[in-house]
Amino acid sequence: PVETLKFAISQFETYGGIIRPAID
C-alpha cells in the first residue's frame, strides 16, 4: 500500500534505509 511506500521513501531519505528496533 501507498502508506508503506511513503514510509519507506521517508526512511530512506532520512536514514538511508528502514530503521527497526532490535527487540530482545
PDBML (XML) file of the C-alpha atoms, coordinates in Angstrom:
<?xml version="1.0" encoding="UTF-8" ?>
<PDBx:datablock datablockName="MODEL"
   xmlns:PDBx="http://pdbml.pdb.org/schema/pdbx-v50.xsd"
   xmlns:xsi="http://www.w3.org/2001/XMLSchema-instance"
   xsi:schemaLocation="http://pdbml.pdb.org/schema/pdbx-v50.xsd pdbx-v50.xsd">
   <PDBx:atom_siteCategory>
      <PDBx:atom_site id="1">
         <PDBx:B_iso_or_equiv>0.00</PDBx:B_iso_or_equiv>
         <PDBx:Cartn_x>0.000</PDBx:Cartn_x>
         <PDBx:Cartn_y>0.000</PDBx:Cartn_y>
         <PDBx:Cartn_z>0.000</PDBx:Cartn_z>
         <PDBx:auth_asym_id>A</PDBx:auth_asym_id>
         <PDBx:auth_atom_id>CA</PDBx:auth_atom_id>
         <PDBx:auth_comp_id>PRO</PDBx:auth_comp_id>
         <PDBx:auth_seq_id>1</PDBx:auth_seq_id>
         <PDBx:group_PDB>ATOM</PDBx:group_PDB>
         <PDBx:label_alt_id xsi:nil="true" />
         <PDBx:label_asym_id>A</PDBx:label_asym_id>
         <PDBx:label_atom_id>CA</PDBx:label_atom_id>
         <PDBx:label_comp_id>PRO</PDBx:label_comp_id>
         <PDBx:label_entity_id>1</PDBx:label_entity_id>
         <PDBx:label_seq_id>1</PDBx:label_seq_id>
         <PDBx:occupancy>1.00</PDBx:occupancy>
         <PDBx:pdbx_PDB_model_num>1</PDBx:pdbx_PDB_model_num>
         <PDBx:type_symbol>C</PDBx:type_symbol>
      </PDBx:atom_site>
      <PDBx:atom_site id="2">
         <PDBx:B_iso_or_equiv>0.00</PDBx:B_iso_or_equiv>
         <PDBx:Cartn_x>0.915</PDBx:Cartn_x>
         <PDBx:Cartn_y>3.626</PDBx:Cartn_y>
         <PDBx:Cartn_z>-0.635</PDBx:Cartn_z>
         <PDBx:auth_asym_id>A</PDBx:auth_asym_id>
         <PDBx:auth_atom_id>CA</PDBx:auth_atom_id>
         <PDBx:auth_comp_id>VAL</PDBx:auth_comp_id>
         <PDBx:auth_seq_id>2</PDBx:auth_seq_id>
         <PDBx:group_PDB>ATOM</PDBx:group_PDB>
         <PDBx:label_alt_id xsi:nil="true" />
         <PDBx:label_asym_id>A</PDBx:label_asym_id>
         <PDBx:label_atom_id>CA</PDBx:label_atom_id>
         <PDBx:label_comp_id>VAL</PDBx:label_comp_id>
         <PDBx:label_entity_id>1</PDBx:label_entity_id>
         <PDBx:label_seq_id>2</PDBx:label_seq_id>
         <PDBx:occupancy>1.00</PDBx:occupancy>
         <PDBx:pdbx_PDB_model_num>1</PDBx:pdbx_PDB_model_num>
         <PDBx:type_symbol>C</PDBx:type_symbol>
      </PDBx:atom_site>
      <PDBx:atom_site id="3">
         <PDBx:B_iso_or_equiv>0.00</PDBx:B_iso_or_equiv>
         <PDBx:Cartn_x>1.222</PDBx:Cartn_x>
         <PDBx:Cartn_y>4.318</PDBx:Cartn_y>
         <PDBx:Cartn_z>3.103</PDBx:Cartn_z>
         <PDBx:auth_asym_id>A</PDBx:auth_asym_id>
         <PDBx:auth_atom_id>CA</PDBx:auth_atom_id>
         <PDBx:auth_comp_id>GLU</PDBx:auth_comp_id>
         <PDBx:auth_seq_id>3</PDBx:auth_seq_id>
         <PDBx:group_PDB>ATOM</PDBx:group_PDB>
         <PDBx:label_alt_id xsi:nil="true" />
         <PDBx:label_asym_id>A</PDBx:label_asym_id>
         <PDBx:label_atom_id>CA</PDBx:label_atom_id>
         <PDBx:label_comp_id>GLU</PDBx:label_comp_id>
         <PDBx:label_entity_id>1</PDBx:label_entity_id>
         <PDBx:label_seq_id>3</PDBx:label_seq_id>
         <PDBx:occupancy>1.00</PDBx:occupancy>
         <PDBx:pdbx_PDB_model_num>1</PDBx:pdbx_PDB_model_num>
         <PDBx:type_symbol>C</PDBx:type_symbol>
      </PDBx:atom_site>
      <PDBx:atom_site id="4">
         <PDBx:B_iso_or_equiv>0.00</PDBx:B_iso_or_equiv>
         <PDBx:Cartn_x>4.074</PDBx:Cartn_x>
         <PDBx:Cartn_y>1.801</PDBx:Cartn_y>
         <PDBx:Cartn_z>3.366</PDBx:Cartn_z>
         <PDBx:auth_asym_id>A</PDBx:auth_asym_id>
         <PDBx:auth_atom_id>CA</PDBx:auth_atom_id>
         <PDBx:auth_comp_id>THR</PDBx:auth_comp_id>
         <PDBx:auth_seq_id>4</PDBx:auth_seq_id>
         <PDBx:group_PDB>ATOM</PDBx:group_PDB>
         <PDBx:label_alt_id xsi:nil="true" />
         <PDBx:label_asym_id>A</PDBx:label_asym_id>
         <PDBx:label_atom_id>CA</PDBx:label_atom_id>
         <PDBx:label_comp_id>THR</PDBx:label_comp_id>
         <PDBx:label_entity_id>1</PDBx:label_entity_id>
         <PDBx:label_seq_id>4</PDBx:label_seq_id>
         <PDBx:occupancy>1.00</PDBx:occupancy>
         <PDBx:pdbx_PDB_model_num>1</PDBx:pdbx_PDB_model_num>
         <PDBx:type_symbol>C</PDBx:type_symbol>
      </PDBx:atom_site>
      <PDBx:atom_site id="5">
         <PDBx:B_iso_or_equiv>0.00</PDBx:B_iso_or_equiv>
         <PDBx:Cartn_x>5.698</PDBx:Cartn_x>
         <PDBx:Cartn_y>3.174</PDBx:Cartn_y>
         <PDBx:Cartn_z>0.206</PDBx:Cartn_z>
         <PDBx:auth_asym_id>A</PDBx:auth_asym_id>
         <PDBx:auth_atom_id>CA</PDBx:auth_atom_id>
         <PDBx:auth_comp_id>LEU</PDBx:auth_comp_id>
         <PDBx:auth_seq_id>5</PDBx:auth_seq_id>
         <PDBx:group_PDB>ATOM</PDBx:group_PDB>
         <PDBx:label_alt_id xsi:nil="true" />
         <PDBx:label_asym_id>A</PDBx:label_asym_id>
         <PDBx:label_atom_id>CA</PDBx:label_atom_id>
         <PDBx:label_comp_id>LEU</PDBx:label_comp_id>
         <PDBx:label_entity_id>1</PDBx:label_entity_id>
         <PDBx:label_seq_id>5</PDBx:label_seq_id>
         <PDBx:occupancy>1.00</PDBx:occupancy>
         <PDBx:pdbx_PDB_model_num>1</PDBx:pdbx_PDB_model_num>
         <PDBx:type_symbol>C</PDBx:type_symbol>
      </PDBx:atom_site>
      <PDBx:atom_site id="6">
         <PDBx:B_iso_or_equiv>0.00</PDBx:B_iso_or_equiv>
         <PDBx:Cartn_x>5.685</PDBx:Cartn_x>
         <PDBx:Cartn_y>6.702</PDBx:Cartn_y>
         <PDBx:Cartn_z>1.650</PDBx:Cartn_z>
         <PDBx:auth_asym_id>A</PDBx:auth_asym_id>
         <PDBx:auth_atom_id>CA</PDBx:auth_atom_id>
         <PDBx:auth_comp_id>LYS</PDBx:auth_comp_id>
         <PDBx:auth_seq_id>6</PDBx:auth_seq_id>
         <PDBx:group_PDB>ATOM</PDBx:group_PDB>
         <PDBx:label_alt_id xsi:nil="true" />
         <PDBx:label_asym_id>A</PDBx:label_asym_id>
         <PDBx:label_atom_id>CA</PDBx:label_atom_id>
         <PDBx:label_comp_id>LYS</PDBx:label_comp_id>
         <PDBx:label_entity_id>1</PDBx:label_entity_id>
         <PDBx:label_seq_id>6</PDBx:label_seq_id>
         <PDBx:occupancy>1.00</PDBx:occupancy>
         <PDBx:pdbx_PDB_model_num>1</PDBx:pdbx_PDB_model_num>
         <PDBx:type_symbol>C</PDBx:type_symbol>
      </PDBx:atom_site>
      <PDBx:atom_site id="7">
         <PDBx:B_iso_or_equiv>0.00</PDBx:B_iso_or_equiv>
         <PDBx:Cartn_x>7.126</PDBx:Cartn_x>
         <PDBx:Cartn_y>5.355</PDBx:Cartn_y>
         <PDBx:Cartn_z>4.901</PDBx:Cartn_z>
         <PDBx:auth_asym_id>A</PDBx:auth_asym_id>
         <PDBx:auth_atom_id>CA</PDBx:auth_atom_id>
         <PDBx:auth_comp_id>PHE</PDBx:auth_comp_id>
         <PDBx:auth_seq_id>7</PDBx:auth_seq_id>
         <PDBx:group_PDB>ATOM</PDBx:group_PDB>
         <PDBx:label_alt_id xsi:nil="true" />
         <PDBx:label_asym_id>A</PDBx:label_asym_id>
         <PDBx:label_atom_id>CA</PDBx:label_atom_id>
         <PDBx:label_comp_id>PHE</PDBx:label_comp_id>
         <PDBx:label_entity_id>1</PDBx:label_entity_id>
         <PDBx:label_seq_id>7</PDBx:label_seq_id>
         <PDBx:occupancy>1.00</PDBx:occupancy>
         <PDBx:pdbx_PDB_model_num>1</PDBx:pdbx_PDB_model_num>
         <PDBx:type_symbol>C</PDBx:type_symbol>
      </PDBx:atom_site>
      <PDBx:atom_site id="8">
         <PDBx:B_iso_or_equiv>0.00</PDBx:B_iso_or_equiv>
         <PDBx:Cartn_x>9.951</PDBx:Cartn_x>
         <PDBx:Cartn_y>3.567</PDBx:Cartn_y>
         <PDBx:Cartn_z>3.073</PDBx:Cartn_z>
         <PDBx:auth_asym_id>A</PDBx:auth_asym_id>
         <PDBx:auth_atom_id>CA</PDBx:auth_atom_id>
         <PDBx:auth_comp_id>ALA</PDBx:auth_comp_id>
         <PDBx:auth_seq_id>8</PDBx:auth_seq_id>
         <PDBx:group_PDB>ATOM</PDBx:group_PDB>
         <PDBx:label_alt_id xsi:nil="true" />
         <PDBx:label_asym_id>A</PDBx:label_asym_id>
         <PDBx:label_atom_id>CA</PDBx:label_atom_id>
         <PDBx:label_comp_id>ALA</PDBx:label_comp_id>
         <PDBx:label_entity_id>1</PDBx:label_entity_id>
         <PDBx:label_seq_id>8</PDBx:label_seq_id>
         <PDBx:occupancy>1.00</PDBx:occupancy>
         <PDBx:pdbx_PDB_model_num>1</PDBx:pdbx_PDB_model_num>
         <PDBx:type_symbol>C</PDBx:type_symbol>
      </PDBx:atom_site>
      <PDBx:atom_site id="9">
         <PDBx:B_iso_or_equiv>0.00</PDBx:B_iso_or_equiv>
         <PDBx:Cartn_x>10.813</PDBx:Cartn_x>
         <PDBx:Cartn_y>6.643</PDBx:Cartn_y>
         <PDBx:Cartn_z>0.998</PDBx:Cartn_z>
         <PDBx:auth_asym_id>A</PDBx:auth_asym_id>
         <PDBx:auth_atom_id>CA</PDBx:auth_atom_id>
         <PDBx:auth_comp_id>ILE</PDBx:auth_comp_id>
         <PDBx:auth_seq_id>9</PDBx:auth_seq_id>
         <PDBx:group_PDB>ATOM</PDBx:group_PDB>
         <PDBx:label_alt_id xsi:nil="true" />
         <PDBx:label_asym_id>A</PDBx:label_asym_id>
         <PDBx:label_atom_id>CA</PDBx:label_atom_id>
         <PDBx:label_comp_id>ILE</PDBx:label_comp_id>
         <PDBx:label_entity_id>1</PDBx:label_entity_id>
         <PDBx:label_seq_id>9</PDBx:label_seq_id>
         <PDBx:occupancy>1.00</PDBx:occupancy>
         <PDBx:pdbx_PDB_model_num>1</PDBx:pdbx_PDB_model_num>
         <PDBx:type_symbol>C</PDBx:type_symbol>
      </PDBx:atom_site>
      <PDBx:atom_site id="10">
         <PDBx:B_iso_or_equiv>0.00</PDBx:B_iso_or_equiv>
         <PDBx:Cartn_x>10.857</PDBx:Cartn_x>
         <PDBx:Cartn_y>8.831</PDBx:Cartn_y>
         <PDBx:Cartn_z>4.123</PDBx:Cartn_z>
         <PDBx:auth_asym_id>A</PDBx:auth_asym_id>
         <PDBx:auth_atom_id>CA</PDBx:auth_atom_id>
         <PDBx:auth_comp_id>SER</PDBx:auth_comp_id>
         <PDBx:auth_seq_id>10</PDBx:auth_seq_id>
         <PDBx:group_PDB>ATOM</PDBx:group_PDB>
         <PDBx:label_alt_id xsi:nil="true" />
         <PDBx:label_asym_id>A</PDBx:label_asym_id>
         <PDBx:label_atom_id>CA</PDBx:label_atom_id>
         <PDBx:label_comp_id>SER</PDBx:label_comp_id>
         <PDBx:label_entity_id>1</PDBx:label_entity_id>
         <PDBx:label_seq_id>10</PDBx:label_seq_id>
         <PDBx:occupancy>1.00</PDBx:occupancy>
         <PDBx:pdbx_PDB_model_num>1</PDBx:pdbx_PDB_model_num>
         <PDBx:type_symbol>C</PDBx:type_symbol>
      </PDBx:atom_site>
      <PDBx:atom_site id="11">
         <PDBx:B_iso_or_equiv>0.00</PDBx:B_iso_or_equiv>
         <PDBx:Cartn_x>13.104</PDBx:Cartn_x>
         <PDBx:Cartn_y>6.384</PDBx:Cartn_y>
         <PDBx:Cartn_z>5.976</PDBx:Cartn_z>
         <PDBx:auth_asym_id>A</PDBx:auth_asym_id>
         <PDBx:auth_atom_id>CA</PDBx:auth_atom_id>
         <PDBx:auth_comp_id>GLN</PDBx:auth_comp_id>
         <PDBx:auth_seq_id>11</PDBx:auth_seq_id>
         <PDBx:group_PDB>ATOM</PDBx:group_PDB>
         <PDBx:label_alt_id xsi:nil="true" />
         <PDBx:label_asym_id>A</PDBx:label_asym_id>
         <PDBx:label_atom_id>CA</PDBx:label_atom_id>
         <PDBx:label_comp_id>GLN</PDBx:label_comp_id>
         <PDBx:label_entity_id>1</PDBx:label_entity_id>
         <PDBx:label_seq_id>11</PDBx:label_seq_id>
         <PDBx:occupancy>1.00</PDBx:occupancy>
         <PDBx:pdbx_PDB_model_num>1</PDBx:pdbx_PDB_model_num>
         <PDBx:type_symbol>C</PDBx:type_symbol>
      </PDBx:atom_site>
      <PDBx:atom_site id="12">
         <PDBx:B_iso_or_equiv>0.00</PDBx:B_iso_or_equiv>
         <PDBx:Cartn_x>15.459</PDBx:Cartn_x>
         <PDBx:Cartn_y>6.123</PDBx:Cartn_y>
         <PDBx:Cartn_z>3.003</PDBx:Cartn_z>
         <PDBx:auth_asym_id>A</PDBx:auth_asym_id>
         <PDBx:auth_atom_id>CA</PDBx:auth_atom_id>
         <PDBx:auth_comp_id>PHE</PDBx:auth_comp_id>
         <PDBx:auth_seq_id>12</PDBx:auth_seq_id>
         <PDBx:group_PDB>ATOM</PDBx:group_PDB>
         <PDBx:label_alt_id xsi:nil="true" />
         <PDBx:label_asym_id>A</PDBx:label_asym_id>
         <PDBx:label_atom_id>CA</PDBx:label_atom_id>
         <PDBx:label_comp_id>PHE</PDBx:label_comp_id>
         <PDBx:label_entity_id>1</PDBx:label_entity_id>
         <PDBx:label_seq_id>12</PDBx:label_seq_id>
         <PDBx:occupancy>1.00</PDBx:occupancy>
         <PDBx:pdbx_PDB_model_num>1</PDBx:pdbx_PDB_model_num>
         <PDBx:type_symbol>C</PDBx:type_symbol>
      </PDBx:atom_site>
      <PDBx:atom_site id="13">
         <PDBx:B_iso_or_equiv>0.00</PDBx:B_iso_or_equiv>
         <PDBx:Cartn_x>15.717</PDBx:Cartn_x>
         <PDBx:Cartn_y>9.889</PDBx:Cartn_y>
         <PDBx:Cartn_z>2.613</PDBx:Cartn_z>
         <PDBx:auth_asym_id>A</PDBx:auth_asym_id>
         <PDBx:auth_atom_id>CA</PDBx:auth_atom_id>
         <PDBx:auth_comp_id>GLU</PDBx:auth_comp_id>
         <PDBx:auth_seq_id>13</PDBx:auth_seq_id>
         <PDBx:group_PDB>ATOM</PDBx:group_PDB>
         <PDBx:label_alt_id xsi:nil="true" />
         <PDBx:label_asym_id>A</PDBx:label_asym_id>
         <PDBx:label_atom_id>CA</PDBx:label_atom_id>
         <PDBx:label_comp_id>GLU</PDBx:label_comp_id>
         <PDBx:label_entity_id>1</PDBx:label_entity_id>
         <PDBx:label_seq_id>13</PDBx:label_seq_id>
         <PDBx:occupancy>1.00</PDBx:occupancy>
         <PDBx:pdbx_PDB_model_num>1</PDBx:pdbx_PDB_model_num>
         <PDBx:type_symbol>C</PDBx:type_symbol>
      </PDBx:atom_site>
      <PDBx:atom_site id="14">
         <PDBx:B_iso_or_equiv>0.00</PDBx:B_iso_or_equiv>
         <PDBx:Cartn_x>16.233</PDBx:Cartn_x>
         <PDBx:Cartn_y>10.412</PDBx:Cartn_y>
         <PDBx:Cartn_z>6.353</PDBx:Cartn_z>
         <PDBx:auth_asym_id>A</PDBx:auth_asym_id>
         <PDBx:auth_atom_id>CA</PDBx:auth_atom_id>
         <PDBx:auth_comp_id>THR</PDBx:auth_comp_id>
         <PDBx:auth_seq_id>14</PDBx:auth_seq_id>
         <PDBx:group_PDB>ATOM</PDBx:group_PDB>
         <PDBx:label_alt_id xsi:nil="true" />
         <PDBx:label_asym_id>A</PDBx:label_asym_id>
         <PDBx:label_atom_id>CA</PDBx:label_atom_id>
         <PDBx:label_comp_id>THR</PDBx:label_comp_id>
         <PDBx:label_entity_id>1</PDBx:label_entity_id>
         <PDBx:label_seq_id>14</PDBx:label_seq_id>
         <PDBx:occupancy>1.00</PDBx:occupancy>
         <PDBx:pdbx_PDB_model_num>1</PDBx:pdbx_PDB_model_num>
         <PDBx:type_symbol>C</PDBx:type_symbol>
      </PDBx:atom_site>
      <PDBx:atom_site id="15">
         <PDBx:B_iso_or_equiv>0.00</PDBx:B_iso_or_equiv>
         <PDBx:Cartn_x>18.343</PDBx:Cartn_x>
         <PDBx:Cartn_y>7.428</PDBx:Cartn_y>
         <PDBx:Cartn_z>7.429</PDBx:Cartn_z>
         <PDBx:auth_asym_id>A</PDBx:auth_asym_id>
         <PDBx:auth_atom_id>CA</PDBx:auth_atom_id>
         <PDBx:auth_comp_id>TYR</PDBx:auth_comp_id>
         <PDBx:auth_seq_id>15</PDBx:auth_seq_id>
         <PDBx:group_PDB>ATOM</PDBx:group_PDB>
         <PDBx:label_alt_id xsi:nil="true" />
         <PDBx:label_asym_id>A</PDBx:label_asym_id>
         <PDBx:label_atom_id>CA</PDBx:label_atom_id>
         <PDBx:label_comp_id>TYR</PDBx:label_comp_id>
         <PDBx:label_entity_id>1</PDBx:label_entity_id>
         <PDBx:label_seq_id>15</PDBx:label_seq_id>
         <PDBx:occupancy>1.00</PDBx:occupancy>
         <PDBx:pdbx_PDB_model_num>1</PDBx:pdbx_PDB_model_num>
         <PDBx:type_symbol>C</PDBx:type_symbol>
      </PDBx:atom_site>
      <PDBx:atom_site id="16">
         <PDBx:B_iso_or_equiv>0.00</PDBx:B_iso_or_equiv>
         <PDBx:Cartn_x>19.422</PDBx:Cartn_x>
         <PDBx:Cartn_y>5.703</PDBx:Cartn_y>
         <PDBx:Cartn_z>4.223</PDBx:Cartn_z>
         <PDBx:auth_asym_id>A</PDBx:auth_asym_id>
         <PDBx:auth_atom_id>CA</PDBx:auth_atom_id>
         <PDBx:auth_comp_id>GLY</PDBx:auth_comp_id>
         <PDBx:auth_seq_id>16</PDBx:auth_seq_id>
         <PDBx:group_PDB>ATOM</PDBx:group_PDB>
         <PDBx:label_alt_id xsi:nil="true" />
         <PDBx:label_asym_id>A</PDBx:label_asym_id>
         <PDBx:label_atom_id>CA</PDBx:label_atom_id>
         <PDBx:label_comp_id>GLY</PDBx:label_comp_id>
         <PDBx:label_entity_id>1</PDBx:label_entity_id>
         <PDBx:label_seq_id>16</PDBx:label_seq_id>
         <PDBx:occupancy>1.00</PDBx:occupancy>
         <PDBx:pdbx_PDB_model_num>1</PDBx:pdbx_PDB_model_num>
         <PDBx:type_symbol>C</PDBx:type_symbol>
      </PDBx:atom_site>
      <PDBx:atom_site id="17">
         <PDBx:B_iso_or_equiv>0.00</PDBx:B_iso_or_equiv>
         <PDBx:Cartn_x>17.169</PDBx:Cartn_x>
         <PDBx:Cartn_y>2.734</PDBx:Cartn_y>
         <PDBx:Cartn_z>4.968</PDBx:Cartn_z>
         <PDBx:auth_asym_id>A</PDBx:auth_asym_id>
         <PDBx:auth_atom_id>CA</PDBx:auth_atom_id>
         <PDBx:auth_comp_id>GLY</PDBx:auth_comp_id>
         <PDBx:auth_seq_id>17</PDBx:auth_seq_id>
         <PDBx:group_PDB>ATOM</PDBx:group_PDB>
         <PDBx:label_alt_id xsi:nil="true" />
         <PDBx:label_asym_id>A</PDBx:label_asym_id>
         <PDBx:label_atom_id>CA</PDBx:label_atom_id>
         <PDBx:label_comp_id>GLY</PDBx:label_comp_id>
         <PDBx:label_entity_id>1</PDBx:label_entity_id>
         <PDBx:label_seq_id>17</PDBx:label_seq_id>
         <PDBx:occupancy>1.00</PDBx:occupancy>
         <PDBx:pdbx_PDB_model_num>1</PDBx:pdbx_PDB_model_num>
         <PDBx:type_symbol>C</PDBx:type_symbol>
      </PDBx:atom_site>
      <PDBx:atom_site id="18">
         <PDBx:B_iso_or_equiv>0.00</PDBx:B_iso_or_equiv>
         <PDBx:Cartn_x>14.364</PDBx:Cartn_x>
         <PDBx:Cartn_y>1.485</PDBx:Cartn_y>
         <PDBx:Cartn_z>7.182</PDBx:Cartn_z>
         <PDBx:auth_asym_id>A</PDBx:auth_asym_id>
         <PDBx:auth_atom_id>CA</PDBx:auth_atom_id>
         <PDBx:auth_comp_id>ILE</PDBx:auth_comp_id>
         <PDBx:auth_seq_id>18</PDBx:auth_seq_id>
         <PDBx:group_PDB>ATOM</PDBx:group_PDB>
         <PDBx:label_alt_id xsi:nil="true" />
         <PDBx:label_asym_id>A</PDBx:label_asym_id>
         <PDBx:label_atom_id>CA</PDBx:label_atom_id>
         <PDBx:label_comp_id>ILE</PDBx:label_comp_id>
         <PDBx:label_entity_id>1</PDBx:label_entity_id>
         <PDBx:label_seq_id>18</PDBx:label_seq_id>
         <PDBx:occupancy>1.00</PDBx:occupancy>
         <PDBx:pdbx_PDB_model_num>1</PDBx:pdbx_PDB_model_num>
         <PDBx:type_symbol>C</PDBx:type_symbol>
      </PDBx:atom_site>
      <PDBx:atom_site id="19">
         <PDBx:B_iso_or_equiv>0.00</PDBx:B_iso_or_equiv>
         <PDBx:Cartn_x>15.456</PDBx:Cartn_x>
         <PDBx:Cartn_y>1.532</PDBx:Cartn_y>
         <PDBx:Cartn_z>10.825</PDBx:Cartn_z>
         <PDBx:auth_asym_id>A</PDBx:auth_asym_id>
         <PDBx:auth_atom_id>CA</PDBx:auth_atom_id>
         <PDBx:auth_comp_id>ILE</PDBx:auth_comp_id>
         <PDBx:auth_seq_id>19</PDBx:auth_seq_id>
         <PDBx:group_PDB>ATOM</PDBx:group_PDB>
         <PDBx:label_alt_id xsi:nil="true" />
         <PDBx:label_asym_id>A</PDBx:label_asym_id>
         <PDBx:label_atom_id>CA</PDBx:label_atom_id>
         <PDBx:label_comp_id>ILE</PDBx:label_comp_id>
         <PDBx:label_entity_id>1</PDBx:label_entity_id>
         <PDBx:label_seq_id>19</PDBx:label_seq_id>
         <PDBx:occupancy>1.00</PDBx:occupancy>
         <PDBx:pdbx_PDB_model_num>1</PDBx:pdbx_PDB_model_num>
         <PDBx:type_symbol>C</PDBx:type_symbol>
      </PDBx:atom_site>
      <PDBx:atom_site id="20">
         <PDBx:B_iso_or_equiv>0.00</PDBx:B_iso_or_equiv>
         <PDBx:Cartn_x>13.739</PDBx:Cartn_x>
         <PDBx:Cartn_y>-1.023</PDBx:Cartn_y>
         <PDBx:Cartn_z>13.078</PDBx:Cartn_z>
         <PDBx:auth_asym_id>A</PDBx:auth_asym_id>
         <PDBx:auth_atom_id>CA</PDBx:auth_atom_id>
         <PDBx:auth_comp_id>ARG</PDBx:auth_comp_id>
         <PDBx:auth_seq_id>20</PDBx:auth_seq_id>
         <PDBx:group_PDB>ATOM</PDBx:group_PDB>
         <PDBx:label_alt_id xsi:nil="true" />
         <PDBx:label_asym_id>A</PDBx:label_asym_id>
         <PDBx:label_atom_id>CA</PDBx:label_atom_id>
         <PDBx:label_comp_id>ARG</PDBx:label_comp_id>
         <PDBx:label_entity_id>1</PDBx:label_entity_id>
         <PDBx:label_seq_id>20</PDBx:label_seq_id>
         <PDBx:occupancy>1.00</PDBx:occupancy>
         <PDBx:pdbx_PDB_model_num>1</PDBx:pdbx_PDB_model_num>
         <PDBx:type_symbol>C</PDBx:type_symbol>
      </PDBx:atom_site>
      <PDBx:atom_site id="21">
         <PDBx:B_iso_or_equiv>0.00</PDBx:B_iso_or_equiv>
         <PDBx:Cartn_x>14.217</PDBx:Cartn_x>
         <PDBx:Cartn_y>-1.702</PDBx:Cartn_y>
         <PDBx:Cartn_z>16.793</PDBx:Cartn_z>
         <PDBx:auth_asym_id>A</PDBx:auth_asym_id>
         <PDBx:auth_atom_id>CA</PDBx:auth_atom_id>
         <PDBx:auth_comp_id>PRO</PDBx:auth_comp_id>
         <PDBx:auth_seq_id>21</PDBx:auth_seq_id>
         <PDBx:group_PDB>ATOM</PDBx:group_PDB>
         <PDBx:label_alt_id xsi:nil="true" />
         <PDBx:label_asym_id>A</PDBx:label_asym_id>
         <PDBx:label_atom_id>CA</PDBx:label_atom_id>
         <PDBx:label_comp_id>PRO</PDBx:label_comp_id>
         <PDBx:label_entity_id>1</PDBx:label_entity_id>
         <PDBx:label_seq_id>21</PDBx:label_seq_id>
         <PDBx:occupancy>1.00</PDBx:occupancy>
         <PDBx:pdbx_PDB_model_num>1</PDBx:pdbx_PDB_model_num>
         <PDBx:type_symbol>C</PDBx:type_symbol>
      </PDBx:atom_site>
      <PDBx:atom_site id="22">
         <PDBx:B_iso_or_equiv>0.00</PDBx:B_iso_or_equiv>
         <PDBx:Cartn_x>16.167</PDBx:Cartn_x>
         <PDBx:Cartn_y>-4.844</PDBx:Cartn_y>
         <PDBx:Cartn_z>17.696</PDBx:Cartn_z>
         <PDBx:auth_asym_id>A</PDBx:auth_asym_id>
         <PDBx:auth_atom_id>CA</PDBx:auth_atom_id>
         <PDBx:auth_comp_id>ALA</PDBx:auth_comp_id>
         <PDBx:auth_seq_id>22</PDBx:auth_seq_id>
         <PDBx:group_PDB>ATOM</PDBx:group_PDB>
         <PDBx:label_alt_id xsi:nil="true" />
         <PDBx:label_asym_id>A</PDBx:label_asym_id>
         <PDBx:label_atom_id>CA</PDBx:label_atom_id>
         <PDBx:label_comp_id>ALA</PDBx:label_comp_id>
         <PDBx:label_entity_id>1</PDBx:label_entity_id>
         <PDBx:label_seq_id>22</PDBx:label_seq_id>
         <PDBx:occupancy>1.00</PDBx:occupancy>
         <PDBx:pdbx_PDB_model_num>1</PDBx:pdbx_PDB_model_num>
         <PDBx:type_symbol>C</PDBx:type_symbol>
      </PDBx:atom_site>
      <PDBx:atom_site id="23">
         <PDBx:B_iso_or_equiv>0.00</PDBx:B_iso_or_equiv>
         <PDBx:Cartn_x>13.846</PDBx:Cartn_x>
         <PDBx:Cartn_y>-6.249</PDBx:Cartn_y>
         <PDBx:Cartn_z>20.359</PDBx:Cartn_z>
         <PDBx:auth_asym_id>A</PDBx:auth_asym_id>
         <PDBx:auth_atom_id>CA</PDBx:auth_atom_id>
         <PDBx:auth_comp_id>ILE</PDBx:auth_comp_id>
         <PDBx:auth_seq_id>23</PDBx:auth_seq_id>
         <PDBx:group_PDB>ATOM</PDBx:group_PDB>
         <PDBx:label_alt_id xsi:nil="true" />
         <PDBx:label_asym_id>A</PDBx:label_asym_id>
         <PDBx:label_atom_id>CA</PDBx:label_atom_id>
         <PDBx:label_comp_id>ILE</PDBx:label_comp_id>
         <PDBx:label_entity_id>1</PDBx:label_entity_id>
         <PDBx:label_seq_id>23</PDBx:label_seq_id>
         <PDBx:occupancy>1.00</PDBx:occupancy>
         <PDBx:pdbx_PDB_model_num>1</PDBx:pdbx_PDB_model_num>
         <PDBx:type_symbol>C</PDBx:type_symbol>
      </PDBx:atom_site>
      <PDBx:atom_site id="24">
         <PDBx:B_iso_or_equiv>0.00</PDBx:B_iso_or_equiv>
         <PDBx:Cartn_x>15.171</PDBx:Cartn_x>
         <PDBx:Cartn_y>-8.852</PDBx:Cartn_y>
         <PDBx:Cartn_z>22.792</PDBx:Cartn_z>
         <PDBx:auth_asym_id>A</PDBx:auth_asym_id>
         <PDBx:auth_atom_id>CA</PDBx:auth_atom_id>
         <PDBx:auth_comp_id>ASP</PDBx:auth_comp_id>
         <PDBx:auth_seq_id>24</PDBx:auth_seq_id>
         <PDBx:group_PDB>ATOM</PDBx:group_PDB>
         <PDBx:label_alt_id xsi:nil="true" />
         <PDBx:label_asym_id>A</PDBx:label_asym_id>
         <PDBx:label_atom_id>CA</PDBx:label_atom_id>
         <PDBx:label_comp_id>ASP</PDBx:label_comp_id>
         <PDBx:label_entity_id>1</PDBx:label_entity_id>
         <PDBx:label_seq_id>24</PDBx:label_seq_id>
         <PDBx:occupancy>1.00</PDBx:occupancy>
         <PDBx:pdbx_PDB_model_num>1</PDBx:pdbx_PDB_model_num>
         <PDBx:type_symbol>C</PDBx:type_symbol>
      </PDBx:atom_site>
   </PDBx:atom_siteCategory>
</PDBx:datablock>
